[in-house]
Amino acid sequence: MQPALTHSKTSQDIALNEVLIRAMCHYRQVNYYYIKCGHSDPKEPEEIHCEYTSCKFSPNHRTDDHKCKEMCWQSHQFPQQFTRQIDAYCPACVASGQ
């Protein structure tokens, strides 16, 4: 028989934590893939800001005297990466007459 857990998170706690983690400040990188020529055009990563006062990168970060390193999120989340497939030639191929 396994010992009983002294502390367990409820499904609501876990769901809330997952939402907060996904919603914190992060970068988004979009790559345009042109199907007709096979070329890609990656765009510069864009910083997406959250609205939380407990994230040091947020524009809403607390300005009062607080223990930021202990109380606030200190790193960006893993970047979101998207590839948009476009059924066309890339701009360079269009400019060269394809």
Protein backbone atom coordinates (compact mmCIF):
# COMPACT_ATOMS: atom_id res chain seq x y z
CA MET A 1 0.00 0.00 0.00
CA GLN A 2 1.37 3.44 -0.96
CA PRO A 3 1.60 6.23 1.63
CA ALA A 4 -0.99 8.99 1.35
CA LEU A 5 0.16 12.26 -0.19
CA THR A 6 0.32 15.08 2.31
CA HIS A 7 -0.39 17.74 -0.32
CA SER A 8 -2.01 17.37 -3.68
CA LYS A 9 -3.06 20.02 -6.13
CA THR A 10 -6.62 20.09 -7.31
CA SER A 11 -7.41 19.98 -11.00
CA GLN A 12 -8.40 23.67 -10.75
CA ASP A 13 -4.95 24.55 -9.32
CA ILE A 14 -3.22 22.66 -12.13
CA ALA A 15 -5.41 24.22 -14.84
CA LEU A 16 -4.84 27.73 -13.46
CA ASN A 17 -1.08 27.16 -13.31
CA GLU A 18 -1.05 25.95 -16.93
CA VAL A 19 -3.01 29.03 -18.06
CA LEU A 20 -0.65 31.38 -16.22
CA ILE A 21 2.43 29.71 -17.67
CA ARG A 22 1.07 29.95 -21.22
CA ALA A 23 0.03 33.54 -20.75
CA MET A 24 3.31 34.94 -19.41
CA CYS A 25 5.56 37.11 -21.59
CA HIS A 26 7.12 35.20 -24.46
CA TYR A 27 8.43 35.56 -27.99
CA ARG A 28 6.58 34.57 -31.14
CA GLN A 29 8.39 33.71 -34.35
CA VAL A 30 6.49 33.44 -37.61
CA ASN A 31 7.93 31.78 -40.70
CA TYR A 32 6.28 32.25 -44.10
CA TYR A 33 6.68 29.18 -46.32
CA TYR A 34 5.89 29.70 -50.02
CA ILE A 35 4.56 26.45 -51.49
CA LYS A 36 5.12 27.16 -55.20
CA CYS A 37 8.87 27.83 -54.90
CA GLY A 38 9.66 26.15 -51.56
CA HIS A 39 11.34 29.23 -50.08
CA SER A 40 10.93 30.36 -46.49
CA ASP A 41 10.90 33.86 -45.07
CA PRO A 42 11.40 33.80 -41.28
CA LYS A 43 10.37 37.01 -39.54
CA GLU A 44 12.11 38.54 -36.54
CA PRO A 45 10.83 37.24 -33.19
CA GLU A 46 8.18 39.49 -31.69
CA GLU A 47 7.84 39.92 -27.93
CA ILE A 48 4.33 39.23 -26.68
CA HIS A 49 3.63 40.86 -23.32
CA CYS A 50 1.34 39.48 -20.67
CA GLU A 51 -0.80 41.61 -18.39
CA TYR A 52 0.42 40.23 -15.07
CA THR A 53 1.93 42.39 -12.34
CA SER A 54 4.02 39.39 -11.25
CA CYS A 55 6.04 39.17 -14.48
CA LYS A 56 9.16 41.32 -14.62
CA PHE A 57 8.84 41.75 -18.42
CA SER A 58 5.20 42.86 -18.33
CA PRO A 59 4.33 46.53 -18.85
CA ASN A 60 2.11 46.06 -15.78
CA HIS A 61 4.97 44.85 -13.56
CA ARG A 62 4.70 46.15 -10.02
CA THR A 63 6.54 49.40 -9.36
CA ASP A 64 6.26 49.29 -5.59
CA ASP A 65 9.04 48.02 -3.34
CA HIS A 66 8.77 44.22 -3.42
CA LYS A 67 11.00 41.14 -3.57
CA CYS A 68 10.91 40.83 -7.34
CA LYS A 69 13.30 37.87 -7.65
CA GLU A 70 11.23 35.89 -5.17
CA MET A 71 7.74 37.01 -6.18
CA CYS A 72 7.87 37.63 -9.92
CA TRP A 73 8.36 35.51 -13.02
CA GLN A 74 12.02 36.00 -14.05
CA SER A 75 12.26 34.54 -17.56
CA HIS A 76 10.40 34.50 -20.84
CA GLN A 77 8.43 31.41 -21.72
CA PHE A 78 9.55 29.15 -24.58
CA PRO A 79 8.94 30.98 -27.87
CA GLN A 80 5.87 30.18 -29.91
CA GLN A 81 6.76 29.18 -33.46
CA PHE A 82 4.32 29.27 -36.35
CA THR A 83 4.76 28.45 -40.03
CA ARG A 84 2.26 30.03 -42.37
CA GLN A 85 2.01 28.19 -45.69
CA ILE A 86 1.21 30.43 -48.62
CA ASP A 87 0.17 28.98 -51.97
CA ALA A 88 2.26 31.43 -54.00
CA TYR A 89 5.81 32.30 -55.01
CA CYS A 90 7.96 34.23 -52.53
CA PRO A 91 8.53 37.97 -53.15
CA ALA A 92 12.08 37.31 -54.47
CA CYS A 93 10.80 34.83 -57.06
CA VAL A 94 7.97 37.18 -58.08
CA ALA A 95 10.50 40.01 -58.51
CA SER A 96 12.69 37.78 -60.70
CA GLY A 97 9.73 36.95 -62.97
CA GLN A 98 8.57 33.53 -61.79
